[in-house]
């Protein structure tokens, strides 16, 4: 029987260019390649979870306009069940423009993110919440994420939080979090160092914490245990979505493995994905695909 995961957060349309470098002011740079695809932390994580053979439901804002229909088609192609929380049907998902630097795989992104998205109808999500094995909240739809995280906590469903950067009221979600997967850029108020971040999260009751550091080792804490996990060293082509892919893989593996093993398995998936341009080409092979 498939595991079921609910992914709560942002959907974007990502227009991605591969170039020698980002343009300077008043300069045009010719791209060597491009693609347009569904993006957003929750969406990319859901696709990764589905690729591993699990059932992913995505709760977000999508709409019914032309762009929304295009992105919705791609989500369905990857086996995602879309739970559209739109009240305003004409609303379109935000667009991200991304430039990936060929020599390093680093990305530059400009996006509206979720600034125009709030409220929404999550009635159907709450009614079926008990059917999920794991919940991921990406922090972009904070009010909805907090309601779902709190109820999931009551139902003893593990809650994973994608803590990429601090956002207002994030502490409300974190109070109901089992696994906080943080980037090294995640700094809550009055936190200046990673030690501060860990203490902050532990004081909120988060039982398992990880901090990813790109190609440097992942640092983790669980109870009175802590350590580091080496990240596979690969030729990086594109880092866009690597964190999202990590979180989606972690949600799959944490239902089969312990915390440290799940982090290591997720790191292997994310590192593999970084060897391909865009956020979808890594899915084309059989590696990590459920049989």
C-alpha atoms as a PDB file:
ATOM      1  CA  UNK A   1       0.000   0.000   0.000  1.00  0.00           C
ATOM      2  CA  UNK A   2       1.355   3.430  -0.968  1.00  0.00           C
ATOM      3  CA  UNK A   3       2.307   5.945   1.676  1.00  0.00           C
ATOM      4  CA  UNK A   4       0.358   9.202   1.412  1.00  0.00           C
ATOM      5  CA  UNK A   5       1.835  12.634   1.919  1.00  0.00           C
ATOM      6  CA  UNK A   6       0.263  16.080   2.034  1.00  0.00           C
ATOM      7  CA  UNK A   7       2.371  18.995   0.805  1.00  0.00           C
ATOM      8  CA  UNK A   8       1.179  22.452   1.834  1.00  0.00           C
ATOM      9  CA  UNK A   9       2.633  25.563   0.242  1.00  0.00           C
ATOM     10  CA  UNK A  10       3.653  27.396  -2.861  1.00  0.00           C
ATOM     11  CA  UNK A  11       3.185  26.675  -6.559  1.00  0.00           C
ATOM     12  CA  UNK A  12       4.987  28.861  -9.080  1.00  0.00           C
ATOM     13  CA  UNK A  13       5.629  28.806 -12.782  1.00  0.00           C
ATOM     14  CA  UNK A  14       9.422  28.700 -13.213  1.00  0.00           C
ATOM     15  CA  UNK A  15      11.043  30.123 -16.348  1.00  0.00           C
ATOM     16  CA  UNK A  16      14.631  28.861 -16.107  1.00  0.00           C
ATOM     17  CA  UNK A  17      17.579  29.968 -18.249  1.00  0.00           C
ATOM     18  CA  UNK A  18      21.063  28.467 -18.432  1.00  0.00           C
ATOM     19  CA  UNK A  19      23.658  31.190 -19.083  1.00  0.00           C
ATOM     20  CA  UNK A  20      27.326  31.964 -18.558  1.00  0.00           C
ATOM     21  CA  UNK A  21      26.314  34.470 -15.867  1.00  0.00           C
ATOM     22  CA  UNK A  22      23.433  36.734 -14.797  1.00  0.00           C
ATOM     23  CA  UNK A  23      23.198  40.028 -16.713  1.00  0.00           C
ATOM     24  CA  UNK A  24      24.656  43.258 -15.398  1.00  0.00           C
ATOM     25  CA  UNK A  25      22.477  46.407 -15.284  1.00  0.00           C
ATOM     26  CA  UNK A  26      21.279  47.425 -18.773  1.00  0.00           C
ATOM     27  CA  UNK A  27      22.860  44.298 -20.297  1.00  0.00           C
ATOM     28  CA  UNK A  28      21.385  41.453 -22.310  1.00  0.00           C
ATOM     29  CA  UNK A  29      22.806  37.946 -21.927  1.00  0.00           C
ATOM     30  CA  UNK A  30      22.081  35.152 -24.395  1.00  0.00           C
ATOM     31  CA  UNK A  31      20.889  31.908 -22.815  1.00  0.00           C
ATOM     32  CA  UNK A  32      22.226  28.516 -23.880  1.00  0.00           C
ATOM     33  CA  UNK A  33      19.137  26.586 -22.791  1.00  0.00           C
ATOM     34  CA  UNK A  34      15.809  27.176 -21.075  1.00  0.00           C
ATOM     35  CA  UNK A  35      12.748  25.408 -19.731  1.00  0.00           C
ATOM     36  CA  UNK A  36       9.382  26.310 -18.219  1.00  0.00           C
ATOM     37  CA  UNK A  37       8.016  24.119 -15.471  1.00  0.00           C
ATOM     38  CA  UNK A  38       6.044  23.940 -12.245  1.00  0.00           C
ATOM     39  CA  UNK A  39       8.064  25.255  -9.317  1.00  0.00           C
ATOM     40  CA  UNK A  40       7.687  26.157  -5.680  1.00  0.00           C
ATOM     41  CA  UNK A  41       8.997  24.326  -2.614  1.00  0.00           C
ATOM     42  CA  UNK A  42       5.867  22.293  -1.871  1.00  0.00           C
ATOM     43  CA  UNK A  43       5.270  21.425  -5.536  1.00  0.00           C
ATOM     44  CA  UNK A  44       8.830  20.228  -6.194  1.00  0.00           C
ATOM     45  CA  UNK A  45       8.813  18.223  -2.965  1.00  0.00           C
ATOM     46  CA  UNK A  46       5.490  16.596  -3.876  1.00  0.00           C
ATOM     47  CA  UNK A  47       6.791  15.566  -7.305  1.00  0.00           C
ATOM     48  CA  UNK A  48       9.879  14.020  -5.710  1.00  0.00           C
ATOM     49  CA  UNK A  49       7.729  12.135  -3.175  1.00  0.00           C
ATOM     50  CA  UNK A  50       5.523  10.830  -5.996  1.00  0.00           C
ATOM     51  CA  UNK A  51       8.570   9.785  -8.058  1.00  0.00           C
ATOM     52  CA  UNK A  52       9.560   7.476  -5.197  1.00  0.00           C
ATOM     53  CA  UNK A  53       6.260   5.624  -5.482  1.00  0.00           C
ATOM     54  CA  UNK A  54       4.262   7.400  -2.794  1.00  0.00           C
ATOM     55  CA  UNK A  55       0.968   9.271  -3.267  1.00  0.00           C
ATOM     56  CA  UNK A  56       1.391  13.050  -3.017  1.00  0.00           C
ATOM     57  CA  UNK A  57      -1.444  15.519  -2.501  1.00  0.00           C
ATOM     58  CA  UNK A  58      -0.596  19.205  -2.963  1.00  0.00           C
ATOM     59  CA  UNK A  59      -2.641  21.854  -1.145  1.00  0.00           C
ATOM     60  CA  UNK A  60      -2.046  25.268  -2.683  1.00  0.00           C
ATOM     61  CA  UNK A  61      -3.487  28.050  -4.841  1.00  0.00           C
ATOM     62  CA  UNK A  62      -3.652  27.302  -8.552  1.00  0.00           C
ATOM     63  CA  UNK A  63      -6.693  28.906 -10.180  1.00  0.00           C
ATOM     64  CA  UNK A  64      -8.428  28.102 -13.460  1.00  0.00           C
ATOM     65  CA  UNK A  65      -6.845  30.494 -15.949  1.00  0.00           C
ATOM     66  CA  UNK A  66      -4.643  29.370 -18.878  1.00  0.00           C
ATOM     67  CA  UNK A  67      -1.349  29.331 -16.983  1.00  0.00           C
ATOM     68  CA  UNK A  68      -2.955  27.528 -14.056  1.00  0.00           C
ATOM     69  CA  UNK A  69      -4.312  24.842 -16.377  1.00  0.00           C
ATOM     70  CA  UNK A  70      -0.854  24.355 -17.926  1.00  0.00           C
ATOM     71  CA  UNK A  71       0.800  23.914 -14.533  1.00  0.00           C
ATOM     72  CA  UNK A  72      -2.028  21.687 -13.350  1.00  0.00           C
ATOM     73  CA  UNK A  73      -1.502  19.392 -16.329  1.00  0.00           C
ATOM     74  CA  UNK A  74       2.171  18.984 -15.443  1.00  0.00           C
ATOM     75  CA  UNK A  75       1.327  18.163 -11.831  1.00  0.00           C
ATOM     76  CA  UNK A  76      -1.117  15.467 -12.970  1.00  0.00           C
ATOM     77  CA  UNK A  77       1.528  14.001 -15.278  1.00  0.00           C
ATOM     78  CA  UNK A  78       3.671  13.446 -12.188  1.00  0.00           C
ATOM     79  CA  UNK A  79       0.841  11.777 -10.294  1.00  0.00           C
ATOM     80  CA  UNK A  80       0.043  14.714  -8.020  1.00  0.00           C
ATOM     81  CA  UNK A  81      -3.475  15.112  -6.659  1.00  0.00           C
ATOM     82  CA  UNK A  82      -4.081  18.870  -6.603  1.00  0.00           C
ATOM     83  CA  UNK A  83      -6.160  20.349  -3.788  1.00  0.00           C
ATOM     84  CA  UNK A  84      -6.924  23.841  -5.038  1.00  0.00           C
ATOM     85  CA  UNK A  85      -7.713  26.164  -2.128  1.00  0.00           C
ATOM     86  CA  UNK A  86      -8.624  29.109  -4.361  1.00  0.00           C
ATOM     87  CA  UNK A  87     -11.637  31.167  -3.475  1.00  0.00           C
ATOM     88  CA  UNK A  88     -10.828  33.680  -6.224  1.00  0.00           C
ATOM     89  CA  UNK A  89     -10.808  31.492  -9.354  1.00  0.00           C
ATOM     90  CA  UNK A  90      -9.108  34.069 -11.583  1.00  0.00           C
ATOM     91  CA  UNK A  91      -6.004  34.161  -9.380  1.00  0.00           C
ATOM     92  CA  UNK A  92      -2.840  33.020 -11.167  1.00  0.00           C
ATOM     93  CA  UNK A  93       0.192  31.413  -9.495  1.00  0.00           C
ATOM     94  CA  UNK A  94       3.261  33.658  -9.267  1.00  0.00           C
ATOM     95  CA  UNK A  95       5.999  33.395 -11.900  1.00  0.00           C
ATOM     96  CA  UNK A  96       9.678  32.992 -11.030  1.00  0.00           C
ATOM     97  CA  UNK A  97      12.441  33.957 -13.436  1.00  0.00           C
ATOM     98  CA  UNK A  98      15.628  31.991 -12.829  1.00  0.00           C
ATOM     99  CA  UNK A  99      19.144  32.259 -14.261  1.00  0.00           C
ATOM    100  CA  UNK A 100      21.449  29.309 -13.673  1.00  0.00           C
ATOM    101  CA  UNK A 101      25.172  30.020 -14.039  1.00  0.00           C
ATOM    102  CA  UNK A 102      26.731  27.340 -16.235  1.00  0.00           C
ATOM    103  CA  UNK A 103      30.132  27.121 -14.512  1.00  0.00           C
ATOM    104  CA  UNK A 104      28.871  26.762 -10.931  1.00  0.00           C
ATOM    105  CA  UNK A 105      25.217  25.689 -11.044  1.00  0.00           C
ATOM    106  CA  UNK A 106      24.327  28.634  -8.794  1.00  0.00           C
ATOM    107  CA  UNK A 107      20.948  30.212  -9.438  1.00  0.00           C
ATOM    108  CA  UNK A 108      19.590  33.749  -9.300  1.00  0.00           C
ATOM    109  CA  UNK A 109      15.841  34.028  -8.747  1.00  0.00           C
ATOM    110  CA  UNK A 110      13.271  36.810  -8.842  1.00  0.00           C
ATOM    111  CA  UNK A 111       9.705  35.972  -7.842  1.00  0.00           C
ATOM    112  CA  UNK A 112       6.568  37.362  -6.231  1.00  0.00           C
ATOM    113  CA  UNK A 113       6.287  34.198  -4.112  1.00  0.00           C
ATOM    114  CA  UNK A 114       3.115  34.055  -1.999  1.00  0.00           C
ATOM    115  CA  UNK A 115       2.652  37.745  -1.205  1.00  0.00           C
ATOM    116  CA  UNK A 116      -0.703  37.870  -3.016  1.00  0.00           C
ATOM    117  CA  UNK A 117      -1.953  34.558  -1.595  1.00  0.00           C
ATOM    118  CA  UNK A 118      -3.821  34.363   1.686  1.00  0.00           C
ATOM    119  CA  UNK A 119      -6.895  32.790   3.203  1.00  0.00           C
ATOM    120  CA  UNK A 120      -8.246  30.014   1.045  1.00  0.00           C
ATOM    121  CA  UNK A 121     -10.585  27.098   1.639  1.00  0.00           C
ATOM    122  CA  UNK A 122      -8.831  24.171   3.307  1.00  0.00           C
ATOM    123  CA  UNK A 123     -12.031  22.416   4.449  1.00  0.00           C
ATOM    124  CA  UNK A 124     -11.454  19.302   2.338  1.00  0.00           C
ATOM    125  CA  UNK A 125      -7.854  19.075   3.562  1.00  0.00           C
ATOM    126  CA  UNK A 126      -8.920  19.099   7.197  1.00  0.00           C
ATOM    127  CA  UNK A 127     -11.660  16.540   6.621  1.00  0.00           C
ATOM    128  CA  UNK A 128      -9.198  14.036   5.134  1.00  0.00           C
ATOM    129  CA  UNK A 129      -6.135  14.870   7.207  1.00  0.00           C
ATOM    130  CA  UNK A 130      -6.291  11.568   9.107  1.00  0.00           C
ATOM    131  CA  UNK A 131      -5.581   9.661   5.864  1.00  0.00           C
ATOM    132  CA  UNK A 132      -2.015  10.990   5.496  1.00  0.00           C
ATOM    133  CA  UNK A 133       1.214   9.391   6.717  1.00  0.00           C
ATOM    134  CA  UNK A 134       3.326  12.559   6.609  1.00  0.00           C
ATOM    135  CA  UNK A 135       2.750  16.310   6.185  1.00  0.00           C
ATOM    136  CA  UNK A 136       5.167  18.862   4.725  1.00  0.00           C
ATOM    137  CA  UNK A 137       4.681  22.598   5.272  1.00  0.00           C
ATOM    138  CA  UNK A 138       6.926  24.960   3.297  1.00  0.00           C
ATOM    139  CA  UNK A 139       6.090  28.155   5.223  1.00  0.00           C
ATOM    140  CA  UNK A 140       4.752  30.171   2.288  1.00  0.00           C
ATOM    141  CA  UNK A 141       1.087  29.802   3.241  1.00  0.00           C
ATOM    142  CA  UNK A 142       1.638  30.370   6.939  1.00  0.00           C
ATOM    143  CA  UNK A 143      -1.950  30.613   8.180  1.00  0.00           C
ATOM    144  CA  UNK A 144      -3.063  27.458   6.407  1.00  0.00           C
ATOM    145  CA  UNK A 145       0.151  25.648   7.329  1.00  0.00           C
ATOM    146  CA  UNK A 146      -0.333  26.469  11.007  1.00  0.00           C
ATOM    147  CA  UNK A 147      -3.890  25.102  11.084  1.00  0.00           C
ATOM    148  CA  UNK A 148      -2.869  21.900   9.317  1.00  0.00           C
ATOM    149  CA  UNK A 149       0.281  21.420  11.409  1.00  0.00           C
ATOM    150  CA  UNK A 150      -1.646  21.840  14.668  1.00  0.00           C
ATOM    151  CA  UNK A 151      -4.302  19.297  13.691  1.00  0.00           C
ATOM    152  CA  UNK A 152      -1.668  16.878  12.338  1.00  0.00           C
ATOM    153  CA  UNK A 153       0.109  17.098  15.681  1.00  0.00           C
ATOM    154  CA  UNK A 154      -3.125  16.162  17.451  1.00  0.00           C
ATOM    155  CA  UNK A 155      -3.502  13.172  15.098  1.00  0.00           C
ATOM    156  CA  UNK A 156       0.164  12.113  15.658  1.00  0.00           C
ATOM    157  CA  UNK A 157       0.969  12.540  11.965  1.00  0.00           C
ATOM    158  CA  UNK A 158       4.619  13.573  11.555  1.00  0.00           C
ATOM    159  CA  UNK A 159       5.051  17.164  10.360  1.00  0.00           C
ATOM    160  CA  UNK A 160       8.102  18.112   8.299  1.00  0.00           C
ATOM    161  CA  UNK A 161       8.892  21.807   7.873  1.00  0.00           C
ATOM    162  CA  UNK A 162      10.920  23.271   5.019  1.00  0.00           C
ATOM    163  CA  UNK A 163      12.686  26.101   6.861  1.00  0.00           C
ATOM    164  CA  UNK A 164      14.450  27.823   3.996  1.00  0.00           C
ATOM    165  CA  UNK A 165      14.288  31.345   5.368  1.00  0.00           C
ATOM    166  CA  UNK A 166      12.569  33.005   8.302  1.00  0.00           C
ATOM    167  CA  UNK A 167       9.073  34.313   7.630  1.00  0.00           C
ATOM    168  CA  UNK A 168       6.716  36.207   9.963  1.00  0.00           C
ATOM    169  CA  UNK A 169       4.812  33.949  12.381  1.00  0.00           C
ATOM    170  CA  UNK A 170       6.876  30.874  11.460  1.00  0.00           C
ATOM    171  CA  UNK A 171       7.022  30.038  15.171  1.00  0.00           C
ATOM    172  CA  UNK A 172       3.312  29.132  15.075  1.00  0.00           C
ATOM    173  CA  UNK A 173       3.989  26.293  12.619  1.00  0.00           C
ATOM    174  CA  UNK A 174       7.228  25.252  14.304  1.00  0.00           C
ATOM    175  CA  UNK A 175       5.439  24.578  17.613  1.00  0.00           C
ATOM    176  CA  UNK A 176       3.778  21.585  15.933  1.00  0.00           C
ATOM    177  CA  UNK A 177       6.813  20.373  13.976  1.00  0.00           C
ATOM    178  CA  UNK A 178       8.462  16.968  14.327  1.00  0.00           C
ATOM    179  CA  UNK A 179      11.241  17.435  11.768  1.00  0.00           C
ATOM    180  CA  UNK A 180      12.665  20.875  10.958  1.00  0.00           C
ATOM    181  CA  UNK A 181      14.888  20.766   7.863  1.00  0.00           C
ATOM    182  CA  UNK A 182      16.643  24.148   7.761  1.00  0.00           C
ATOM    183  CA  UNK A 183      18.900  25.830   5.269  1.00  0.00           C
ATOM    184  CA  UNK A 184      21.990  27.571   6.601  1.00  0.00           C
ATOM    185  CA  UNK A 185      20.192  30.845   5.775  1.00  0.00           C
ATOM    186  CA  UNK A 186      17.367  30.143   8.233  1.00  0.00           C
ATOM    187  CA  UNK A 187      17.763  32.615  11.089  1.00  0.00           C
ATOM    188  CA  UNK A 188      14.840  33.187  13.478  1.00  0.00           C
ATOM    189  CA  UNK A 189      14.713  36.488  15.416  1.00  0.00           C
ATOM    190  CA  UNK A 190      17.778  37.121  17.582  1.00  0.00           C
ATOM    191  CA  UNK A 191      19.604  34.112  16.121  1.00  0.00           C
ATOM    192  CA  UNK A 192      23.035  34.793  14.645  1.00  0.00           C
ATOM    193  CA  UNK A 193      24.596  31.327  14.547  1.00  0.00           C
ATOM    194  CA  UNK A 194      23.477  27.760  13.936  1.00  0.00           C
ATOM    195  CA  UNK A 195      23.730  27.016  17.657  1.00  0.00           C
ATOM    196  CA  UNK A 196      21.212  29.787  18.294  1.00  0.00           C
ATOM    197  CA  UNK A 197      18.864  28.288  15.704  1.00  0.00           C
ATOM    198  CA  UNK A 198      19.013  24.849  17.294  1.00  0.00           C
ATOM    199  CA  UNK A 199      18.328  26.215  20.783  1.00  0.00           C
ATOM    200  CA  UNK A 200      15.436  28.287  19.430  1.00  0.00           C
ATOM    201  CA  UNK A 201      13.838  25.255  17.751  1.00  0.00           C
ATOM    202  CA  UNK A 202      14.420  22.963  20.715  1.00  0.00           C
ATOM    203  CA  UNK A 203      12.752  25.516  23.007  1.00  0.00           C
ATOM    204  CA  UNK A 204       9.702  25.348  20.732  1.00  0.00           C
ATOM    205  CA  UNK A 205       9.639  21.570  21.143  1.00  0.00           C
ATOM    206  CA  UNK A 206      11.063  20.454  17.779  1.00  0.00           C
ATOM    207  CA  UNK A 207      12.490  16.993  18.402  1.00  0.00           C
ATOM    208  CA  UNK A 208      14.624  16.538  15.272  1.00  0.00           C
ATOM    209  CA  UNK A 209      16.567  19.269  13.483  1.00  0.00           C
ATOM    210  CA  UNK A 210      18.811  19.304  10.428  1.00  0.00           C
ATOM    211  CA  UNK A 211      20.732  22.150   8.806  1.00  0.00           C
ATOM    212  CA  UNK A 212      21.777  21.707   5.186  1.00  0.00           C
ATOM    213  CA  UNK A 213      24.877  23.514   3.939  1.00  0.00           C
ATOM    214  CA  UNK A 214      25.034  22.954   0.201  1.00  0.00           C
ATOM    215  CA  UNK A 215      27.885  20.584  -0.600  1.00  0.00           C
ATOM    216  CA  UNK A 216      29.172  20.744   2.979  1.00  0.00           C
ATOM    217  CA  UNK A 217      28.011  18.177   5.565  1.00  0.00           C
ATOM    218  CA  UNK A 218      24.464  18.203   6.909  1.00  0.00           C
ATOM    219  CA  UNK A 219      24.382  18.906  10.637  1.00  0.00           C
ATOM    220  CA  UNK A 220      21.684  17.174  12.700  1.00  0.00           C
ATOM    221  CA  UNK A 221      20.339  17.088  16.264  1.00  0.00           C
ATOM    222  CA  UNK A 222      17.885  14.636  17.795  1.00  0.00           C
ATOM    223  CA  UNK A 223      17.355  14.615  21.543  1.00  0.00           C
ATOM    224  CA  UNK A 224      20.809  14.587  23.125  1.00  0.00           C
ATOM    225  CA  UNK A 225      22.415  13.174  19.964  1.00  0.00           C
ATOM    226  CA  UNK A 226      23.972  15.208  17.181  1.00  0.00           C
ATOM    227  CA  UNK A 227      26.359  14.705  14.292  1.00  0.00           C
ATOM    228  CA  UNK A 228      27.176  15.376  10.652  1.00  0.00           C
ATOM    229  CA  UNK A 229      26.359  13.568   7.414  1.00  0.00           C
ATOM    230  CA  UNK A 230      28.662  13.980   4.407  1.00  0.00           C
ATOM    231  CA  UNK A 231      26.981  15.070   1.181  1.00  0.00           C
ATOM    232  CA  UNK A 232      27.828  13.165  -2.041  1.00  0.00           C
ATOM    233  CA  UNK A 233      30.271  15.231  -4.085  1.00  0.00           C
ATOM    234  CA  UNK A 234      29.107  15.596  -7.684  1.00  0.00           C
ATOM    235  CA  UNK A 235      29.666  17.812 -10.697  1.00  0.00           C
ATOM    236  CA  UNK A 236      26.991  20.445 -10.075  1.00  0.00           C
ATOM    237  CA  UNK A 237      25.059  21.646 -13.118  1.00  0.00           C
ATOM    238  CA  UNK A 238      22.071  23.302 -11.448  1.00  0.00           C
ATOM    239  CA  UNK A 239      21.200  23.822  -7.761  1.00  0.00           C
ATOM    240  CA  UNK A 240      17.680  25.129  -8.415  1.00  0.00           C
ATOM    241  CA  UNK A 241      15.164  23.121  -6.394  1.00  0.00           C
ATOM    242  CA  UNK A 242      17.801  21.005  -4.678  1.00  0.00           C
ATOM    243  CA  UNK A 243      16.396  21.802  -1.249  1.00  0.00           C
ATOM    244  CA  UNK A 244      12.831  21.087  -2.382  1.00  0.00           C
ATOM    245  CA  UNK A 245      13.908  17.737  -3.824  1.00  0.00           C
ATOM    246  CA  UNK A 246      15.740  16.964  -0.574  1.00  0.00           C
ATOM    247  CA  UNK A 247      12.569  17.629   1.439  1.00  0.00           C
ATOM    248  CA  UNK A 248      10.379  15.500  -0.810  1.00  0.00           C
ATOM    249  CA  UNK A 249      12.821  12.596  -0.645  1.00  0.00           C
ATOM    250  CA  UNK A 250      13.122  12.990   3.134  1.00  0.00           C
ATOM    251  CA  UNK A 251       9.337  12.728   3.499  1.00  0.00           C
ATOM    252  CA  UNK A 252       9.477   9.419   1.630  1.00  0.00           C
ATOM    253  CA  UNK A 253      12.437   7.953   3.499  1.00  0.00           C
ATOM    254  CA  UNK A 254      11.401   9.050   7.005  1.00  0.00           C
ATOM    255  CA  UNK A 255       8.472   6.628   6.724  1.00  0.00           C
ATOM    256  CA  UNK A 256      10.963   3.777   6.165  1.00  0.00           C
ATOM    257  CA  UNK A 257      14.161   4.785   7.956  1.00  0.00           C
ATOM    258  CA  UNK A 258      15.379   6.525  11.086  1.00  0.00           C
ATOM    259  CA  UNK A 259      16.093  10.261  11.066  1.00  0.00           C
ATOM    260  CA  UNK A 260      19.803  10.110  10.235  1.00  0.00           C
ATOM    261  CA  UNK A 261      19.399   7.455   7.534  1.00  0.00           C
ATOM    262  CA  UNK A 262      16.532   9.413   5.951  1.00  0.00           C
ATOM    263  CA  UNK A 263      18.705  12.547   5.807  1.00  0.00           C
ATOM    264  CA  UNK A 264      21.515  10.603   4.142  1.00  0.00           C
ATOM    265  CA  UNK A 265      19.150   9.052   1.588  1.00  0.00           C
ATOM    266  CA  UNK A 266      17.589  12.432   0.811  1.00  0.00           C
ATOM    267  CA  UNK A 267      21.049  13.955   0.327  1.00  0.00           C
ATOM    268  CA  UNK A 268      21.852  11.276  -2.249  1.00  0.00           C
ATOM    269  CA  UNK A 269      18.709  12.132  -4.217  1.00  0.00           C
ATOM    270  CA  UNK A 270      19.269  15.903  -4.102  1.00  0.00           C
ATOM    271  CA  UNK A 271      22.925  15.579  -5.095  1.00  0.00           C
ATOM    272  CA  UNK A 272      21.980  13.403  -8.054  1.00  0.00           C
ATOM    273  CA  UNK A 273      19.372  15.955  -9.177  1.00  0.00           C
ATOM    274  CA  UNK A 274      21.983  18.746  -9.132  1.00  0.00           C
ATOM    275  CA  UNK A 275      23.762  17.038 -12.040  1.00  0.00           C
ATOM    276  CA  UNK A 276      20.958  18.019 -14.446  1.00  0.00           C
ATOM    277  CA  UNK A 277      19.702  21.350 -15.781  1.00  0.00           C
ATOM    278  CA  UNK A 278      16.243  22.251 -14.519  1.00  0.00           C
ATOM    279  CA  UNK A 279      14.202  20.457 -11.889  1.00  0.00           C
ATOM    280  CA  UNK A 280      12.784  17.615 -14.006  1.00  0.00           C
ATOM    281  CA  UNK A 281      15.499  15.970 -16.122  1.00  0.00           C
ATOM    282  CA  UNK A 282      16.755  13.940 -13.149  1.00  0.00           C
ATOM    283  CA  UNK A 283      13.391  12.166 -13.122  1.00  0.00           C
ATOM    284  CA  UNK A 284      13.889  10.699 -16.595  1.00  0.00           C
ATOM    285  CA  UNK A 285      16.157   7.827 -15.556  1.00  0.00           C
ATOM    286  CA  UNK A 286      15.263   4.834 -13.410  1.00  0.00           C
ATOM    287  CA  UNK A 287      17.368   5.910 -10.437  1.00  0.00           C
ATOM    288  CA  UNK A 288      15.177   6.413  -7.357  1.00  0.00           C
ATOM    289  CA  UNK A 289      12.058   5.614  -9.388  1.00  0.00           C
ATOM    290  CA  UNK A 290       9.681   3.250  -7.646  1.00  0.00           C
ATOM    291  CA  UNK A 291       9.414  -0.086  -9.413  1.00  0.00           C
END
